[in-house]
Amino acid sequence: MQNNLSENPTPKSTGKALKFVLLAFVGVSIAAAAYKMVAVPKAPGTPVEAVTAPVEPVQPAVKSEPKAPATAKKAVKSVAEGKTAVVYYFYTNTRCSSCKTIEAYTREAVEKHFTSDYKGWKVVFKGVNVEEEPDKHFVQDYWLNSKSVVVQKFSGEKALKHAKLEKVWQLLGDKDGFLNYIADETHKLLDEK
């Protein structure tokens, strides 16, 4: 009995065809990569122009801001000169429902427990996205490793003591406990000399 495979020319021609197809594929891939490399400088330029174009008309609006009424300037100045505590909620672009709940509860705690000054301290809430350029420094300032609540005392613009409220994730399922925790920890920090 003879081995028909060794005498059959079909496998050799199939092998050659396969080599040709693979080489053609590699060639097309290299050409596509080269095309993308050449086209890349043009692609980012177009969105940048589109993004920066709307920014230019906004600049005159920013320049007109100093023309605000003198009473508004005095109000801002008096807050800056006084004693203020900022209850920060630090978050990122990616936000789950728990993250949004922490923000809502923290805001509610400040609004509920600090409607008026506490022992001369004005308490305000501020949500901050630490992935935005001007606020990235907060990650190192407060050693943030997740979404966090931090209470920071200020005398005018000078930062004083702060407290990172570590239990917000544990109290997420207990709204009243959460609100009281924010209020109690803020009171503790403000009572410190």
N, C-alpha and C. Protein backbone atom coordinates (compact mmCIF):
# COMPACT_ATOMS: atom_id res chain seq x y z
N MET A 1 0.83 -1.17 0.00
CA MET A 1 0.00 0.00 0.00
C MET A 1 0.88 1.24 0.00
N GLN A 2 0.57 2.10 -0.85
CA GLN A 2 1.36 3.31 -0.98
C GLN A 2 0.72 4.45 -0.22
N ASN A 3 1.59 5.36 0.22
CA ASN A 3 1.11 6.55 0.92
C ASN A 3 0.73 7.59 -0.11
N ASN A 4 -0.55 7.83 -0.23
CA ASN A 4 -1.05 8.77 -1.23
C ASN A 4 -0.71 10.22 -0.88
N LEU A 5 -0.48 10.51 0.38
CA LEU A 5 -0.21 11.88 0.79
C LEU A 5 1.13 12.38 0.27
N SER A 6 2.12 11.49 0.24
CA SER A 6 3.43 11.93 -0.21
C SER A 6 3.44 12.18 -1.71
N GLU A 7 2.60 11.52 -2.43
CA GLU A 7 2.57 11.70 -3.86
C GLU A 7 1.59 12.79 -4.29
N ASN A 8 0.70 13.17 -3.40
CA ASN A 8 -0.33 14.15 -3.75
C ASN A 8 0.27 15.56 -3.68
N PRO A 9 0.23 16.32 -4.76
CA PRO A 9 0.80 17.66 -4.77
C PRO A 9 -0.07 18.70 -4.05
N THR A 10 -1.25 18.37 -3.65
CA THR A 10 -2.17 19.33 -3.04
C THR A 10 -1.63 19.94 -1.75
N PRO A 11 -1.06 19.18 -0.80
CA PRO A 11 -0.58 19.80 0.43
C PRO A 11 0.50 20.84 0.17
N LYS A 12 1.38 20.63 -0.79
CA LYS A 12 2.42 21.62 -1.06
C LYS A 12 1.79 22.91 -1.59
N SER A 13 0.84 22.78 -2.47
CA SER A 13 0.20 23.98 -3.01
C SER A 13 -0.63 24.68 -1.94
N THR A 14 -1.22 23.93 -1.02
CA THR A 14 -1.97 24.51 0.09
C THR A 14 -1.02 25.26 1.02
N GLY A 15 0.14 24.70 1.27
CA GLY A 15 1.13 25.34 2.12
C GLY A 15 1.61 26.65 1.51
N LYS A 16 1.83 26.64 0.20
CA LYS A 16 2.26 27.86 -0.47
C LYS A 16 1.16 28.93 -0.42
N ALA A 17 -0.07 28.50 -0.60
CA ALA A 17 -1.19 29.44 -0.56
C ALA A 17 -1.33 30.04 0.84
N LEU A 18 -1.15 29.18 1.85
CA LEU A 18 -1.24 29.65 3.23
C LEU A 18 -0.14 30.68 3.53
N LYS A 19 1.09 30.40 3.07
CA LYS A 19 2.19 31.34 3.25
C LYS A 19 1.87 32.66 2.57
N PHE A 20 1.33 32.60 1.36
CA PHE A 20 0.99 33.81 0.63
C PHE A 20 -0.06 34.63 1.38
N VAL A 21 -1.09 33.96 1.90
CA VAL A 21 -2.16 34.65 2.64
C VAL A 21 -1.59 35.30 3.90
N LEU A 22 -0.74 34.57 4.63
CA LEU A 22 -0.16 35.12 5.86
C LEU A 22 0.75 36.31 5.57
N LEU A 23 1.57 36.20 4.52
CA LEU A 23 2.44 37.31 4.15
C LEU A 23 1.62 38.53 3.71
N ALA A 24 0.54 38.28 2.98
CA ALA A 24 -0.33 39.37 2.55
C ALA A 24 -0.96 40.05 3.77
N PHE A 25 -1.38 39.24 4.75
CA PHE A 25 -1.97 39.77 5.97
C PHE A 25 -0.96 40.64 6.73
N VAL A 26 0.26 40.15 6.87
CA VAL A 26 1.31 40.91 7.55
C VAL A 26 1.58 42.21 6.81
N GLY A 27 1.64 42.14 5.49
CA GLY A 27 1.89 43.34 4.70
C GLY A 27 0.78 44.37 4.87
N VAL A 28 -0.46 43.93 4.84
CA VAL A 28 -1.60 44.84 5.03
C VAL A 28 -1.58 45.43 6.44
N SER A 29 -1.23 44.61 7.44
CA SER A 29 -1.16 45.09 8.82
C SER A 29 -0.10 46.17 8.98
N ILE A 30 1.06 45.94 8.38
CA ILE A 30 2.14 46.94 8.45
C ILE A 30 1.72 48.22 7.75
N ALA A 31 1.09 48.09 6.60
CA ALA A 31 0.64 49.27 5.86
C ALA A 31 -0.40 50.04 6.67
N ALA A 32 -1.32 49.32 7.32
CA ALA A 32 -2.35 49.98 8.13
C ALA A 32 -1.71 50.71 9.31
N ALA A 33 -0.73 50.06 9.95
CA ALA A 33 -0.05 50.69 11.09
C ALA A 33 0.69 51.94 10.64
N ALA A 34 1.36 51.85 9.51
CA ALA A 34 2.09 53.01 8.99
C ALA A 34 1.12 54.14 8.65
N TYR A 35 -0.02 53.82 8.08
CA TYR A 35 -1.02 54.83 7.74
C TYR A 35 -1.53 55.52 9.01
N LYS A 36 -1.79 54.73 10.06
CA LYS A 36 -2.28 55.31 11.31
C LYS A 36 -1.24 56.22 11.94
N MET A 37 0.03 55.83 11.85
CA MET A 37 1.09 56.66 12.43
C MET A 37 1.20 57.98 11.69
N VAL A 38 1.02 57.96 10.40
CA VAL A 38 1.09 59.18 9.60
C VAL A 38 -0.14 60.04 9.85
N ALA A 39 -1.29 59.42 10.04
CA ALA A 39 -2.55 60.15 10.20
C ALA A 39 -2.76 60.65 11.63
N VAL A 40 -2.07 60.12 12.63
CA VAL A 40 -2.29 60.48 14.03
C VAL A 40 -2.11 61.96 14.30
N PRO A 41 -1.06 62.64 13.83
CA PRO A 41 -0.94 64.06 14.16
C PRO A 41 -2.12 64.90 13.69
N LYS A 42 -2.78 64.51 12.63
CA LYS A 42 -3.92 65.29 12.14
C LYS A 42 -5.15 65.06 13.01
N ALA A 43 -5.38 63.82 13.46
CA ALA A 43 -6.59 63.51 14.21
C ALA A 43 -6.69 64.27 15.52
N PRO A 44 -5.67 64.26 16.39
CA PRO A 44 -5.82 65.00 17.63
C PRO A 44 -5.94 66.50 17.41
N GLY A 45 -5.36 67.03 16.35
CA GLY A 45 -5.43 68.47 16.09
C GLY A 45 -6.86 68.93 15.88
N THR A 46 -7.66 68.13 15.22
CA THR A 46 -9.03 68.52 14.93
C THR A 46 -9.86 68.65 16.21
N PRO A 47 -9.89 67.64 17.11
CA PRO A 47 -10.67 67.82 18.32
C PRO A 47 -10.15 68.96 19.19
N VAL A 48 -8.84 69.16 19.23
CA VAL A 48 -8.31 70.23 20.07
C VAL A 48 -8.83 71.57 19.59
N GLU A 49 -8.85 71.76 18.27
CA GLU A 49 -9.38 73.01 17.74
C GLU A 49 -10.84 73.15 18.10
N ALA A 50 -11.59 72.06 18.02
CA ALA A 50 -13.01 72.13 18.33
C ALA A 50 -13.22 72.41 19.81
N VAL A 51 -12.38 71.85 20.67
CA VAL A 51 -12.52 72.06 22.10
C VAL A 51 -12.09 73.46 22.50
N THR A 52 -10.98 73.93 21.91
CA THR A 52 -10.49 75.24 22.33
C THR A 52 -11.30 76.38 21.75
N ALA A 53 -11.96 76.17 20.63
CA ALA A 53 -12.73 77.25 20.02
C ALA A 53 -13.82 77.77 20.96
N PRO A 54 -14.63 76.90 21.63
CA PRO A 54 -15.64 77.43 22.53
C PRO A 54 -15.05 78.10 23.76
N VAL A 55 -13.82 77.76 24.13
CA VAL A 55 -13.23 78.34 25.33
C VAL A 55 -12.95 79.82 25.14
N GLU A 56 -12.54 80.22 23.94
CA GLU A 56 -12.19 81.61 23.70
C GLU A 56 -13.33 82.58 23.98
N PRO A 57 -14.58 82.32 23.55
CA PRO A 57 -15.64 83.25 23.89
C PRO A 57 -15.93 83.30 25.38
N VAL A 58 -15.60 82.25 26.11
CA VAL A 58 -15.87 82.24 27.54
C VAL A 58 -14.92 83.18 28.28
N GLN A 59 -13.72 83.39 27.77
CA GLN A 59 -12.74 84.21 28.46
C GLN A 59 -13.23 85.63 28.74
N PRO A 60 -13.90 86.31 27.82
CA PRO A 60 -14.40 87.63 28.17
C PRO A 60 -15.38 87.59 29.34
N ALA A 61 -16.16 86.52 29.46
CA ALA A 61 -17.08 86.41 30.58
C ALA A 61 -16.30 86.33 31.89
N VAL A 62 -15.17 85.64 31.88
CA VAL A 62 -14.36 85.55 33.08
C VAL A 62 -13.76 86.91 33.41
N LYS A 63 -13.35 87.64 32.39
CA LYS A 63 -12.78 88.97 32.62
C LYS A 63 -13.81 89.93 33.18
N SER A 64 -15.09 89.74 32.86
CA SER A 64 -16.11 90.64 33.36
C SER A 64 -16.50 90.31 34.79
N GLU A 65 -16.04 89.17 35.34
CA GLU A 65 -16.38 88.78 36.69
C GLU A 65 -15.98 89.81 37.75
N PRO A 66 -14.81 90.47 37.65
CA PRO A 66 -14.47 91.47 38.65
C PRO A 66 -15.46 92.63 38.72
N LYS A 67 -16.34 92.76 37.74
CA LYS A 67 -17.32 93.84 37.76
C LYS A 67 -18.53 93.50 38.63
N ALA A 68 -18.43 92.43 39.43
CA ALA A 68 -19.53 92.04 40.30
C ALA A 68 -19.78 93.13 41.33
N PRO A 69 -21.00 93.17 41.87
CA PRO A 69 -21.31 94.21 42.85
C PRO A 69 -20.37 94.15 44.05
N ALA A 70 -20.12 95.29 44.64
CA ALA A 70 -19.20 95.38 45.78
C ALA A 70 -19.68 94.56 46.96
N THR A 71 -21.00 94.43 47.13
CA THR A 71 -21.52 93.64 48.24
C THR A 71 -21.15 92.18 48.10
N ALA A 72 -21.15 91.66 46.88
CA ALA A 72 -20.77 90.27 46.67
C ALA A 72 -19.30 90.07 47.02
N LYS A 73 -18.46 91.03 46.65
CA LYS A 73 -17.04 90.94 46.97
C LYS A 73 -16.84 90.94 48.49
N LYS A 74 -17.58 91.78 49.19
CA LYS A 74 -17.43 91.85 50.64
C LYS A 74 -17.87 90.55 51.29
N ALA A 75 -18.94 89.94 50.77
CA ALA A 75 -19.42 88.69 51.34
C ALA A 75 -18.37 87.60 51.18
N VAL A 76 -17.77 87.51 50.00
CA VAL A 76 -16.74 86.52 49.76
C VAL A 76 -15.53 86.80 50.64
N LYS A 77 -15.16 88.05 50.77
CA LYS A 77 -14.00 88.42 51.56
C LYS A 77 -14.23 88.11 53.03
N SER A 78 -15.43 88.37 53.56
CA SER A 78 -15.68 88.12 54.97
C SER A 78 -15.63 86.63 55.28
N VAL A 79 -16.10 85.79 54.37
CA VAL A 79 -16.01 84.34 54.58
C VAL A 79 -14.55 83.92 54.56
N ALA A 80 -13.77 84.46 53.63
CA ALA A 80 -12.36 84.10 53.52
C ALA A 80 -11.58 84.54 54.75
N GLU A 81 -11.96 85.66 55.36
CA GLU A 81 -11.25 86.15 56.53
C GLU A 81 -11.67 85.44 57.80
N GLY A 82 -12.85 84.83 57.83
CA GLY A 82 -13.36 84.20 59.02
C GLY A 82 -12.91 82.76 59.18
N LYS A 83 -13.53 82.10 60.16
CA LYS A 83 -13.22 80.70 60.42
C LYS A 83 -14.23 79.85 59.65
N THR A 84 -13.69 79.00 58.81
CA THR A 84 -14.54 78.16 57.96
C THR A 84 -14.07 76.72 58.06
N ALA A 85 -15.03 75.80 58.05
CA ALA A 85 -14.72 74.38 57.95
C ALA A 85 -15.37 73.88 56.67
N VAL A 86 -14.59 73.24 55.83
CA VAL A 86 -15.11 72.68 54.59
C VAL A 86 -15.20 71.18 54.76
N VAL A 87 -16.40 70.64 54.54
CA VAL A 87 -16.58 69.20 54.54
C VAL A 87 -16.50 68.78 53.08
N TYR A 88 -15.35 68.22 52.71
CA TYR A 88 -15.10 67.82 51.33
C TYR A 88 -15.59 66.40 51.09
N TYR A 89 -16.17 66.19 49.93
CA TYR A 89 -16.38 64.83 49.43
C TYR A 89 -15.53 64.72 48.18
N PHE A 90 -14.50 63.88 48.21
CA PHE A 90 -13.59 63.70 47.08
C PHE A 90 -14.03 62.49 46.28
N TYR A 91 -14.17 62.68 44.97
CA TYR A 91 -14.62 61.61 44.09
C TYR A 91 -13.82 61.65 42.79
N THR A 92 -14.09 60.65 41.93
CA THR A 92 -13.43 60.56 40.62
C THR A 92 -14.50 60.56 39.54
N ASN A 93 -14.07 60.46 38.30
CA ASN A 93 -15.03 60.44 37.18
C ASN A 93 -15.93 59.22 37.25
N THR A 94 -15.39 58.09 37.66
CA THR A 94 -16.17 56.86 37.76
C THR A 94 -16.86 56.83 39.12
N ARG A 95 -18.20 56.77 39.10
CA ARG A 95 -18.95 56.84 40.35
C ARG A 95 -20.05 55.80 40.38
N CYS A 96 -20.03 54.97 41.42
CA CYS A 96 -21.07 53.96 41.59
C CYS A 96 -22.22 54.57 42.42
N SER A 97 -23.26 53.78 42.63
CA SER A 97 -24.40 54.30 43.40
C SER A 97 -24.00 54.57 44.85
N SER A 98 -23.10 53.77 45.41
CA SER A 98 -22.64 54.01 46.79
C SER A 98 -21.90 55.33 46.88
N CYS A 99 -21.09 55.63 45.88
CA CYS A 99 -20.34 56.90 45.87
C CYS A 99 -21.30 58.08 45.84
N LYS A 100 -22.33 57.98 45.03
CA LYS A 100 -23.31 59.06 44.94
C LYS A 100 -24.09 59.19 46.25
N THR A 101 -24.34 58.05 46.91
CA THR A 101 -25.04 58.08 48.19
C THR A 101 -24.20 58.76 49.26
N ILE A 102 -22.90 58.45 49.28
CA ILE A 102 -22.01 59.09 50.25
C ILE A 102 -22.03 60.60 50.06
N GLU A 103 -21.98 61.04 48.81
CA GLU A 103 -22.03 62.48 48.54
C GLU A 103 -23.35 63.08 49.03
N ALA A 104 -24.46 62.42 48.71
CA ALA A 104 -25.78 62.94 49.10
C ALA A 104 -25.92 63.00 50.62
N TYR A 105 -25.50 61.93 51.31
CA TYR A 105 -25.60 61.90 52.77
C TYR A 105 -24.71 62.96 53.41
N THR A 106 -23.50 63.13 52.87
CA THR A 106 -22.58 64.13 53.43
C THR A 106 -23.15 65.53 53.26
N ARG A 107 -23.67 65.81 52.08
CA ARG A 107 -24.29 67.11 51.83
C ARG A 107 -25.46 67.32 52.79
N GLU A 108 -26.29 66.30 52.94
CA GLU A 108 -27.46 66.40 53.82
C GLU A 108 -27.04 66.62 55.27
N ALA A 109 -25.97 65.95 55.71
CA ALA A 109 -25.50 66.11 57.08
C ALA A 109 -25.08 67.55 57.34
N VAL A 110 -24.38 68.14 56.40
CA VAL A 110 -23.94 69.54 56.56
C VAL A 110 -25.14 70.47 56.56
N GLU A 111 -26.07 70.25 55.63
CA GLU A 111 -27.25 71.11 55.55
C GLU A 111 -28.14 70.96 56.78
N LYS A 112 -28.21 69.76 57.34
CA LYS A 112 -29.09 69.51 58.48
C LYS A 112 -28.48 70.00 59.81
N HIS A 113 -27.21 69.70 60.03
CA HIS A 113 -26.59 69.97 61.32
C HIS A 113 -25.85 71.31 61.41
N PHE A 114 -25.63 71.95 60.29
CA PHE A 114 -24.85 73.19 60.31
C PHE A 114 -25.55 74.31 59.55
N THR A 115 -26.85 74.49 59.83
CA THR A 115 -27.59 75.57 59.18
C THR A 115 -27.10 76.93 59.65
N SER A 116 -26.62 76.98 60.90
CA SER A 116 -26.03 78.22 61.40
C SER A 116 -24.60 77.91 61.85
N ASP A 117 -23.85 78.95 62.14
CA ASP A 117 -22.46 78.77 62.56
C ASP A 117 -22.39 77.91 63.82
N TYR A 118 -21.29 77.18 63.94
CA TYR A 118 -21.04 76.36 65.13
C TYR A 118 -19.84 76.95 65.86
N LYS A 119 -20.08 77.56 66.99
CA LYS A 119 -19.03 78.16 67.81
C LYS A 119 -18.12 79.08 66.99
N GLY A 120 -18.74 79.87 66.12
CA GLY A 120 -17.99 80.82 65.30
C GLY A 120 -17.45 80.25 64.00
N TRP A 121 -17.71 78.98 63.74
CA TRP A 121 -17.24 78.32 62.52
C TRP A 121 -18.38 78.23 61.51
N LYS A 122 -18.14 78.67 60.32
CA LYS A 122 -19.08 78.48 59.22
C LYS A 122 -18.71 77.16 58.57
N VAL A 123 -19.68 76.24 58.46
CA VAL A 123 -19.42 74.91 57.89
C VAL A 123 -20.10 74.82 56.53
N VAL A 124 -19.32 74.43 55.52
CA VAL A 124 -19.84 74.31 54.16
C VAL A 124 -19.46 72.95 53.57
N PHE A 125 -20.26 72.50 52.63
CA PHE A 125 -19.98 71.26 51.90
C PHE A 125 -19.38 71.61 50.55
N LYS A 126 -18.44 70.77 50.10
CA LYS A 126 -17.87 70.96 48.77
C LYS A 126 -17.50 69.60 48.18
N GLY A 127 -18.10 69.26 47.04
CA GLY A 127 -17.73 68.06 46.30
C GLY A 127 -16.60 68.40 45.34
N VAL A 128 -15.57 67.54 45.29
CA VAL A 128 -14.39 67.82 44.47
C VAL A 128 -14.02 66.57 43.67
N ASN A 129 -13.91 66.74 42.35
CA ASN A 129 -13.45 65.66 41.48
C ASN A 129 -11.93 65.73 41.41
N VAL A 130 -11.25 64.75 42.01
CA VAL A 130 -9.79 64.78 42.08
C VAL A 130 -9.12 64.36 40.77
N GLU A 131 -9.90 64.04 39.76
CA GLU A 131 -9.32 63.73 38.46
C GLU A 131 -9.25 64.97 37.57
N GLU A 132 -9.84 66.06 38.00
CA GLU A 132 -9.74 67.31 37.25
C GLU A 132 -8.45 68.02 37.63
N GLU A 133 -7.82 68.62 36.66
CA GLU A 133 -6.46 69.17 36.81
C GLU A 133 -6.25 70.06 38.04
N PRO A 134 -7.08 71.04 38.31
CA PRO A 134 -6.75 71.91 39.45
C PRO A 134 -6.89 71.22 40.81
N ASP A 135 -7.55 70.05 40.86
CA ASP A 135 -7.83 69.40 42.15
C ASP A 135 -7.05 68.11 42.37
N LYS A 136 -6.15 67.75 41.47
CA LYS A 136 -5.39 66.50 41.62
C LYS A 136 -4.50 66.51 42.86
N HIS A 137 -4.09 67.67 43.32
CA HIS A 137 -3.19 67.76 44.47
C HIS A 137 -3.82 67.22 45.75
N PHE A 138 -5.15 67.20 45.84
CA PHE A 138 -5.81 66.73 47.05
C PHE A 138 -5.49 65.27 47.35
N VAL A 139 -5.22 64.47 46.32
CA VAL A 139 -4.90 63.06 46.52
C VAL A 139 -3.67 62.93 47.41
N GLN A 140 -2.65 63.73 47.15
CA GLN A 140 -1.44 63.69 47.98
C GLN A 140 -1.63 64.48 49.27
N ASP A 141 -2.34 65.59 49.21
CA ASP A 141 -2.53 66.43 50.40
C ASP A 141 -3.18 65.64 51.54
N TYR A 142 -4.17 64.82 51.21
CA TYR A 142 -4.93 64.10 52.23
C TYR A 142 -4.72 62.59 52.17
N TRP A 143 -3.78 62.13 51.38
CA TRP A 143 -3.49 60.69 51.24
C TRP A 143 -4.75 59.91 50.88
N LEU A 144 -5.42 60.34 49.84
CA LEU A 144 -6.67 59.72 49.41
C LEU A 144 -6.37 58.46 48.60
N ASN A 145 -7.08 57.38 48.91
CA ASN A 145 -6.94 56.16 48.13
C ASN A 145 -8.29 55.64 47.63
N SER A 146 -9.34 56.36 47.93
CA SER A 146 -10.67 56.04 47.42
C SER A 146 -11.54 57.29 47.60
N LYS A 147 -12.80 57.16 47.25
CA LYS A 147 -13.71 58.28 47.48
C LYS A 147 -13.74 58.52 48.98
N SER A 148 -13.60 59.77 49.40
CA SER A 148 -13.40 60.06 50.82
C SER A 148 -14.09 61.34 51.25
N VAL A 149 -14.35 61.41 52.56
CA VAL A 149 -14.87 62.62 53.18
C VAL A 149 -13.78 63.15 54.12
N VAL A 150 -13.44 64.42 53.95
CA VAL A 150 -12.42 65.07 54.78
C VAL A 150 -12.99 66.40 55.26
N VAL A 151 -12.80 66.67 56.55
CA VAL A 151 -13.20 67.96 57.12
C VAL A 151 -11.92 68.77 57.32
N GLN A 152 -11.87 69.95 56.74
CA GLN A 152 -10.68 70.82 56.81
C GLN A 152 -11.06 72.15 57.43
N LYS A 153 -10.33 72.56 58.47
CA LYS A 153 -10.54 73.86 59.10
C LYS A 153 -9.66 74.90 58.43
N PHE A 154 -10.22 76.09 58.23
CA PHE A 154 -9.48 77.22 57.66
C PHE A 154 -9.67 78.45 58.54
N SER A 155 -8.60 79.20 58.69
CA SER A 155 -8.69 80.53 59.28
C SER A 155 -8.34 81.48 58.15
N GLY A 156 -9.36 82.11 57.58
CA GLY A 156 -9.15 82.86 56.35
C GLY A 156 -8.84 81.87 55.25
N GLU A 157 -7.71 82.04 54.59
CA GLU A 157 -7.31 81.09 53.55
C GLU A 157 -6.26 80.11 54.06
N LYS A 158 -5.86 80.24 55.33
CA LYS A 158 -4.83 79.37 55.90
C LYS A 158 -5.47 78.07 56.39
N ALA A 159 -4.97 76.94 55.87
CA ALA A 159 -5.46 75.63 56.28
C ALA A 159 -4.94 75.30 57.68
N LEU A 160 -5.84 74.81 58.51
CA LEU A 160 -5.47 74.39 59.86
C LEU A 160 -5.55 72.86 59.92
N LYS A 161 -6.10 72.32 60.99
CA LYS A 161 -6.22 70.86 61.12
C LYS A 161 -7.29 70.31 60.20
N HIS A 162 -7.15 69.02 59.91
CA HIS A 162 -8.18 68.33 59.13
C HIS A 162 -8.38 66.93 59.70
N ALA A 163 -9.49 66.32 59.33
CA ALA A 163 -9.78 64.95 59.74
C ALA A 163 -10.36 64.20 58.54
N LYS A 164 -9.83 63.01 58.31
CA LYS A 164 -10.35 62.14 57.26
C LYS A 164 -11.35 61.20 57.93
N LEU A 165 -12.58 61.21 57.46
CA LEU A 165 -13.64 60.42 58.08
C LEU A 165 -13.67 59.03 57.45
N GLU A 166 -13.02 58.09 58.12
CA GLU A 166 -12.78 56.75 57.57
C GLU A 166 -14.01 55.84 57.58
N LYS A 167 -15.00 56.12 58.42
CA LYS A 167 -16.11 55.18 58.59
C LYS A 167 -17.29 55.41 57.64
N VAL A 168 -17.16 56.31 56.67
CA VAL A 168 -18.30 56.60 55.81
C VAL A 168 -18.73 55.36 55.02
N TRP A 169 -17.79 54.54 54.61
CA TRP A 169 -18.15 53.34 53.84
C TRP A 169 -18.86 52.32 54.73
N GLN A 170 -18.46 52.23 56.00
CA GLN A 170 -19.08 51.27 56.92
C GLN A 170 -20.50 51.69 57.28
N LEU A 171 -20.76 52.97 57.34
CA LEU A 171 -22.07 53.48 57.75
C LEU A 171 -23.01 53.73 56.59
N LEU A 172 -22.63 53.32 55.41
CA LEU A 172 -23.42 53.59 54.21
C LEU A 172 -24.85 53.04 54.31
N GLY A 173 -25.03 51.92 54.99
CA GLY A 173 -26.35 51.31 55.12
C GLY A 173 -27.18 51.88 56.26
N ASP A 174 -26.63 52.81 57.03
CA ASP A 174 -27.31 53.40 58.18
C ASP A 174 -27.31 54.92 58.01
N LYS A 175 -28.35 55.43 57.35
CA LYS A 175 -28.37 56.86 57.02
C LYS A 175 -28.27 57.74 58.25
N ASP A 176 -29.07 57.47 59.28
CA ASP A 176 -29.03 58.30 60.49
C ASP A 176 -27.65 58.22 61.15
N GLY A 177 -27.09 57.03 61.22
CA GLY A 177 -25.75 56.87 61.78
C GLY A 177 -24.72 57.63 60.97
N PHE A 178 -24.86 57.60 59.65
CA PHE A 178 -23.95 58.32 58.76
C PHE A 178 -24.03 59.82 59.01
N LEU A 179 -25.26 60.36 59.02
CA LEU A 179 -25.44 61.81 59.21
C LEU A 179 -24.88 62.25 60.56
N ASN A 180 -25.14 61.45 61.60
CA ASN A 180 -24.64 61.78 62.93
C ASN A 180 -23.12 61.68 63.00
N TYR A 181 -22.54 60.70 62.31
CA TYR A 181 -21.09 60.53 62.27
C TYR A 181 -20.42 61.76 61.65
N ILE A 182 -20.96 62.24 60.53
CA ILE A 182 -20.40 63.44 59.89
C ILE A 182 -20.48 64.63 60.85
N ALA A 183 -21.65 64.80 61.49
CA ALA A 183 -21.83 65.93 62.41
C ALA A 183 -20.91 65.80 63.63
N ASP A 184 -20.86 64.60 64.22
CA ASP A 184 -20.04 64.41 65.42
C ASP A 184 -18.56 64.63 65.15
N GLU A 185 -18.06 64.08 64.05
CA GLU A 185 -16.64 64.23 63.73
C GLU A 185 -16.30 65.68 63.39
N THR A 186 -17.23 66.36 62.74
CA THR A 186 -17.01 67.78 62.43
C THR A 186 -16.99 68.59 63.72
N HIS A 187 -17.93 68.31 64.63
CA HIS A 187 -17.95 68.99 65.93
C HIS A 187 -16.64 68.76 66.68
N LYS A 188 -16.17 67.49 66.69
CA LYS A 188 -14.92 67.17 67.40
C LYS A 188 -13.76 67.99 66.86
N LEU A 189 -13.65 68.04 65.54
CA LEU A 189 -12.55 68.79 64.93
C LEU A 189 -12.65 70.27 65.26
N LEU A 190 -13.85 70.81 65.20
CA LEU A 190 -14.02 72.24 65.46
C LEU A 190 -13.85 72.59 66.93
N ASP A 191 -14.08 71.63 67.82
CA ASP A 191 -13.89 71.86 69.25
C ASP A 191 -12.41 71.84 69.65
N GLU A 192 -11.56 71.24 68.81
CA GLU A 192 -10.12 71.20 69.10
C GLU A 192 -9.54 72.60 68.96
N LYS A 193 -8.57 72.89 69.80
CA LYS A 193 -7.90 74.20 69.74
C LYS A 193 -6.79 74.18 68.73
